[in-house]
Structures are given as structure tokens and as C-alpha cells.
Amino acid sequence: MAIQHANDDNFNEMIGGELTLVDFWAPWCGPCRMFGPIFEATSDTMSDVKFVKFNVEEGKRTPAKFGIRGIPSVLAFKNGELVEARSGLMDQETLTDWIQELKG
């Protein structure tokens, strides 16, 4: 599934649905640049999950609303409600295992 991109204006529309993961990142963040390809590769293997990226340089309200203090941070939403958040770099196996737990 293709990665979608969110901003302050469209965020609420993006997080609807069964399971949505949002990667909060910035272009200057080294760990974010390492995690980006992992996030994208995982999105290609899970068509039943929506994958969204949010560049914290392009919007401040949404990261502030969810208390994003470090990036990368991935927030998991089910039907628009935050269910869990994780910060820091994850490898593909860790990300996949977490998604399977969220689906469980």
C-alpha cells in the first residue's frame, strides 16, 4: 500500500479506519531517515493497514496535540482513536510484530 502524507489540516481524515500507523519524522533526523525505508517496506507487505507519514517541520499543532517529543515516533490509531505509541528506531521485524499485536 502506498504511503500517505498527513499535515495539520488533513490529519483527522487520515486516521480513520481499522488500523492506521502514523510516522512522525523530520528530514534532518538521522534515525528518521533510517526508519523511513523500513516503514515503507512494511507498508508494501500489509495491505490491510494504512501507513501515514507526518513531517513535523510542516505542521506543529498535531505533534503538540499528541505530545511528540522525540522522533521518529509511530502512533497507532484504530477508528480514529489513539491506541498505542512508540518512539525511536525500530527494525522491520519489531515493527511487523507490533502491528500483529495491534491487529490481535
N, C-alpha and C. Protein backbone atom coordinates (compact mmCIF):
# COMPACT_ATOMS: atom_id res chain seq x y z
N MET A 1 0.85 -1.19 0.00
CA MET A 1 0.00 0.00 0.00
C MET A 1 0.89 1.24 0.00
N ALA A 2 0.48 2.23 -0.72
CA ALA A 2 1.26 3.46 -0.81
C ALA A 2 1.21 4.23 0.50
N ILE A 3 2.32 4.86 0.80
CA ILE A 3 2.40 5.73 1.98
C ILE A 3 1.59 6.99 1.69
N GLN A 4 0.82 7.41 2.66
CA GLN A 4 0.08 8.66 2.54
C GLN A 4 0.76 9.70 3.42
N HIS A 5 0.52 10.97 3.10
CA HIS A 5 1.18 12.05 3.84
C HIS A 5 0.13 12.93 4.50
N ALA A 6 0.33 13.17 5.79
CA ALA A 6 -0.61 13.97 6.57
C ALA A 6 0.00 15.31 6.94
N ASN A 7 -0.87 16.24 7.27
CA ASN A 7 -0.47 17.54 7.80
C ASN A 7 -1.53 17.95 8.82
N ASP A 8 -1.36 19.14 9.39
CA ASP A 8 -2.32 19.59 10.41
C ASP A 8 -3.75 19.66 9.86
N ASP A 9 -3.88 19.99 8.58
CA ASP A 9 -5.21 20.19 8.01
C ASP A 9 -5.96 18.90 7.71
N ASN A 10 -5.24 17.84 7.31
CA ASN A 10 -5.93 16.61 6.90
C ASN A 10 -5.74 15.45 7.88
N PHE A 11 -5.10 15.68 9.01
CA PHE A 11 -4.74 14.59 9.92
C PHE A 11 -5.95 13.76 10.36
N ASN A 12 -7.01 14.42 10.80
CA ASN A 12 -8.17 13.68 11.31
C ASN A 12 -8.79 12.80 10.24
N GLU A 13 -8.78 13.23 9.00
CA GLU A 13 -9.29 12.42 7.90
C GLU A 13 -8.42 11.18 7.67
N MET A 14 -7.12 11.33 7.89
CA MET A 14 -6.17 10.26 7.60
C MET A 14 -6.21 9.12 8.61
N ILE A 15 -6.64 9.37 9.84
CA ILE A 15 -6.52 8.34 10.87
C ILE A 15 -7.78 7.50 11.05
N GLY A 16 -8.76 7.70 10.21
CA GLY A 16 -9.97 6.87 10.28
C GLY A 16 -9.68 5.48 9.74
N GLY A 17 -10.51 4.55 10.07
CA GLY A 17 -10.33 3.19 9.55
C GLY A 17 -9.86 2.23 10.62
N GLU A 18 -9.74 0.98 10.23
CA GLU A 18 -9.44 -0.10 11.17
C GLU A 18 -8.11 0.11 11.90
N LEU A 19 -7.00 0.20 11.17
CA LEU A 19 -5.69 0.38 11.81
C LEU A 19 -4.84 1.31 10.95
N THR A 20 -4.38 2.40 11.55
CA THR A 20 -3.55 3.38 10.86
C THR A 20 -2.31 3.64 11.71
N LEU A 21 -1.14 3.57 11.08
CA LEU A 21 0.12 3.91 11.74
C LEU A 21 0.62 5.23 11.18
N VAL A 22 0.98 6.15 12.07
CA VAL A 22 1.49 7.45 11.64
C VAL A 22 2.92 7.60 12.14
N ASP A 23 3.83 7.81 11.19
CA ASP A 23 5.25 8.02 11.47
C ASP A 23 5.51 9.52 11.52
N PHE A 24 5.81 10.04 12.71
CA PHE A 24 6.20 11.44 12.87
C PHE A 24 7.71 11.51 12.67
N TRP A 25 8.16 12.34 11.75
CA TRP A 25 9.56 12.37 11.33
C TRP A 25 9.95 13.78 10.89
N ALA A 26 11.24 13.96 10.59
CA ALA A 26 11.75 15.20 10.01
C ALA A 26 12.92 14.85 9.09
N PRO A 27 13.13 15.64 8.04
CA PRO A 27 14.20 15.33 7.08
C PRO A 27 15.61 15.41 7.68
N TRP A 28 15.79 16.20 8.73
CA TRP A 28 17.11 16.37 9.33
C TRP A 28 17.43 15.29 10.37
N CYS A 29 16.48 14.41 10.66
CA CYS A 29 16.61 13.40 11.71
C CYS A 29 17.24 12.12 11.14
N GLY A 30 18.45 11.80 11.58
CA GLY A 30 19.14 10.60 11.10
C GLY A 30 18.36 9.31 11.32
N PRO A 31 17.92 9.03 12.55
CA PRO A 31 17.13 7.82 12.77
C PRO A 31 15.85 7.78 11.93
N CYS A 32 15.26 8.96 11.67
CA CYS A 32 14.05 9.02 10.83
C CYS A 32 14.38 8.58 9.41
N ARG A 33 15.52 9.02 8.91
CA ARG A 33 15.92 8.64 7.54
C ARG A 33 16.21 7.15 7.47
N MET A 34 16.67 6.56 8.56
CA MET A 34 16.90 5.11 8.59
C MET A 34 15.58 4.35 8.69
N PHE A 35 14.62 4.89 9.45
CA PHE A 35 13.35 4.22 9.65
C PHE A 35 12.42 4.34 8.45
N GLY A 36 12.52 5.41 7.70
CA GLY A 36 11.63 5.65 6.56
C GLY A 36 11.52 4.46 5.61
N PRO A 37 12.64 3.92 5.13
CA PRO A 37 12.56 2.76 4.23
C PRO A 37 11.96 1.52 4.89
N ILE A 38 12.17 1.35 6.18
CA ILE A 38 11.59 0.21 6.91
C ILE A 38 10.08 0.37 6.97
N PHE A 39 9.62 1.57 7.28
CA PHE A 39 8.18 1.88 7.34
C PHE A 39 7.54 1.62 5.97
N GLU A 40 8.20 2.10 4.91
CA GLU A 40 7.68 1.94 3.56
C GLU A 40 7.66 0.47 3.13
N ALA A 41 8.74 -0.27 3.42
CA ALA A 41 8.79 -1.68 3.05
C ALA A 41 7.71 -2.47 3.78
N THR A 42 7.47 -2.15 5.03
CA THR A 42 6.43 -2.83 5.79
C THR A 42 5.06 -2.51 5.21
N SER A 43 4.87 -1.29 4.76
CA SER A 43 3.57 -0.92 4.17
C SER A 43 3.29 -1.74 2.91
N ASP A 44 4.32 -2.14 2.20
CA ASP A 44 4.15 -2.94 0.98
C ASP A 44 3.67 -4.36 1.29
N THR A 45 3.87 -4.82 2.52
CA THR A 45 3.51 -6.19 2.87
C THR A 45 2.19 -6.29 3.63
N MET A 46 1.59 -5.14 3.98
CA MET A 46 0.37 -5.16 4.79
C MET A 46 -0.69 -4.26 4.18
N SER A 47 -1.46 -4.80 3.28
CA SER A 47 -2.46 -4.01 2.57
C SER A 47 -3.67 -3.64 3.44
N ASP A 48 -3.81 -4.30 4.59
CA ASP A 48 -4.96 -4.04 5.46
C ASP A 48 -4.67 -2.98 6.53
N VAL A 49 -3.49 -2.35 6.46
CA VAL A 49 -3.09 -1.32 7.41
C VAL A 49 -2.76 -0.06 6.62
N LYS A 50 -3.21 1.10 7.12
CA LYS A 50 -2.87 2.37 6.47
C LYS A 50 -1.59 2.91 7.10
N PHE A 51 -0.65 3.31 6.26
CA PHE A 51 0.62 3.87 6.69
C PHE A 51 0.68 5.34 6.27
N VAL A 52 0.92 6.21 7.26
CA VAL A 52 0.90 7.65 7.04
C VAL A 52 2.18 8.25 7.62
N LYS A 53 2.75 9.22 6.89
CA LYS A 53 3.91 9.95 7.39
C LYS A 53 3.50 11.39 7.67
N PHE A 54 4.04 11.94 8.77
CA PHE A 54 3.78 13.32 9.15
C PHE A 54 5.11 14.01 9.40
N ASN A 55 5.48 14.95 8.54
CA ASN A 55 6.72 15.71 8.68
C ASN A 55 6.48 16.80 9.73
N VAL A 56 7.17 16.70 10.87
CA VAL A 56 6.94 17.65 11.96
C VAL A 56 7.38 19.07 11.60
N GLU A 57 8.13 19.22 10.54
CA GLU A 57 8.54 20.55 10.08
C GLU A 57 7.40 21.25 9.33
N GLU A 58 6.41 20.47 8.89
CA GLU A 58 5.32 21.03 8.09
C GLU A 58 4.04 21.23 8.89
N GLY A 59 4.07 20.91 10.15
CA GLY A 59 2.89 21.11 10.99
C GLY A 59 3.29 20.98 12.45
N LYS A 60 2.80 21.86 13.28
CA LYS A 60 3.16 21.85 14.70
C LYS A 60 2.00 21.47 15.61
N ARG A 61 0.76 21.75 15.18
CA ARG A 61 -0.39 21.50 16.06
C ARG A 61 -0.56 20.02 16.38
N THR A 62 -0.49 19.17 15.36
CA THR A 62 -0.74 17.75 15.58
C THR A 62 0.32 17.10 16.45
N PRO A 63 1.62 17.31 16.17
CA PRO A 63 2.62 16.73 17.08
C PRO A 63 2.46 17.23 18.52
N ALA A 64 2.12 18.50 18.69
CA ALA A 64 1.91 19.04 20.04
C ALA A 64 0.71 18.38 20.70
N LYS A 65 -0.36 18.19 19.95
CA LYS A 65 -1.58 17.57 20.49
C LYS A 65 -1.30 16.18 21.05
N PHE A 66 -0.42 15.43 20.38
CA PHE A 66 -0.13 14.06 20.82
C PHE A 66 1.15 13.95 21.64
N GLY A 67 1.74 15.09 22.02
CA GLY A 67 2.90 15.08 22.91
C GLY A 67 4.15 14.49 22.29
N ILE A 68 4.32 14.67 20.99
CA ILE A 68 5.51 14.15 20.31
C ILE A 68 6.72 14.97 20.77
N ARG A 69 7.65 14.31 21.44
CA ARG A 69 8.84 14.99 21.95
C ARG A 69 10.11 14.48 21.30
N GLY A 70 10.05 13.28 20.74
CA GLY A 70 11.20 12.70 20.06
C GLY A 70 10.74 12.03 18.79
N ILE A 71 11.62 12.05 17.79
CA ILE A 71 11.28 11.39 16.53
C ILE A 71 12.41 10.45 16.15
N PRO A 72 12.13 9.39 15.42
CA PRO A 72 10.80 9.04 14.93
C PRO A 72 9.90 8.54 16.06
N SER A 73 8.63 8.85 15.92
CA SER A 73 7.59 8.33 16.80
C SER A 73 6.49 7.78 15.90
N VAL A 74 5.99 6.60 16.24
CA VAL A 74 4.90 5.99 15.47
C VAL A 74 3.71 5.86 16.40
N LEU A 75 2.60 6.43 15.97
CA LEU A 75 1.35 6.34 16.72
C LEU A 75 0.41 5.41 15.98
N ALA A 76 -0.26 4.54 16.71
CA ALA A 76 -1.22 3.60 16.13
C ALA A 76 -2.63 4.05 16.50
N PHE A 77 -3.49 4.14 15.48
CA PHE A 77 -4.88 4.55 15.65
C PHE A 77 -5.80 3.46 15.15
N LYS A 78 -6.88 3.23 15.86
CA LYS A 78 -7.96 2.36 15.40
C LYS A 78 -9.23 3.20 15.39
N ASN A 79 -9.84 3.27 14.22
CA ASN A 79 -11.08 4.05 14.05
C ASN A 79 -10.94 5.47 14.60
N GLY A 80 -9.77 6.07 14.35
CA GLY A 80 -9.54 7.46 14.74
C GLY A 80 -9.09 7.67 16.17
N GLU A 81 -9.00 6.61 16.96
CA GLU A 81 -8.60 6.73 18.36
C GLU A 81 -7.19 6.21 18.56
N LEU A 82 -6.37 6.97 19.28
CA LEU A 82 -5.01 6.54 19.59
C LEU A 82 -5.05 5.32 20.49
N VAL A 83 -4.35 4.25 20.09
CA VAL A 83 -4.32 3.04 20.91
C VAL A 83 -2.94 2.76 21.49
N GLU A 84 -1.88 3.21 20.81
CA GLU A 84 -0.54 2.98 21.34
C GLU A 84 0.46 3.86 20.58
N ALA A 85 1.58 4.16 21.23
CA ALA A 85 2.63 4.95 20.61
C ALA A 85 3.99 4.36 20.95
N ARG A 86 4.90 4.45 19.99
CA ARG A 86 6.28 4.01 20.22
C ARG A 86 7.22 5.03 19.64
N SER A 87 8.32 5.27 20.35
CA SER A 87 9.33 6.22 19.88
C SER A 87 10.64 5.51 19.63
N GLY A 88 11.40 6.04 18.71
CA GLY A 88 12.71 5.50 18.41
C GLY A 88 12.71 4.60 17.19
N LEU A 89 13.90 4.28 16.77
CA LEU A 89 14.11 3.46 15.59
C LEU A 89 13.69 2.02 15.86
N MET A 90 12.92 1.43 14.93
CA MET A 90 12.54 0.02 15.00
C MET A 90 13.02 -0.67 13.74
N ASP A 91 13.41 -1.94 13.88
CA ASP A 91 13.71 -2.71 12.66
C ASP A 91 12.40 -3.27 12.12
N GLN A 92 12.46 -3.85 10.91
CA GLN A 92 11.23 -4.31 10.27
C GLN A 92 10.54 -5.42 11.06
N GLU A 93 11.31 -6.31 11.65
CA GLU A 93 10.72 -7.40 12.43
C GLU A 93 9.96 -6.86 13.64
N THR A 94 10.56 -5.90 14.34
CA THR A 94 9.91 -5.30 15.51
C THR A 94 8.63 -4.59 15.11
N LEU A 95 8.69 -3.82 14.01
CA LEU A 95 7.52 -3.10 13.53
C LEU A 95 6.41 -4.08 13.13
N THR A 96 6.77 -5.13 12.41
CA THR A 96 5.79 -6.13 11.97
C THR A 96 5.16 -6.84 13.16
N ASP A 97 5.98 -7.22 14.14
CA ASP A 97 5.46 -7.88 15.34
C ASP A 97 4.48 -6.97 16.09
N TRP A 98 4.83 -5.68 16.19
CA TRP A 98 3.97 -4.73 16.88
C TRP A 98 2.62 -4.61 16.15
N ILE A 99 2.67 -4.54 14.83
CA ILE A 99 1.44 -4.44 14.06
C ILE A 99 0.57 -5.67 14.27
N GLN A 100 1.20 -6.84 14.29
CA GLN A 100 0.42 -8.07 14.52
C GLN A 100 -0.24 -8.04 15.91
N GLU A 101 0.46 -7.52 16.90
CA GLU A 101 -0.12 -7.38 18.24
C GLU A 101 -1.32 -6.43 18.21
N LEU A 102 -1.17 -5.34 17.47
CA LEU A 102 -2.25 -4.34 17.38
C LEU A 102 -3.47 -4.92 16.68
N LYS A 103 -3.24 -5.76 15.72
CA LYS A 103 -4.35 -6.39 14.99
C LYS A 103 -5.07 -7.41 15.86
N GLY A 104 -4.29 -8.08 16.77
CA GLY A 104 -4.77 -9.18 17.58
C GLY A 104 -6.03 -8.92 18.26
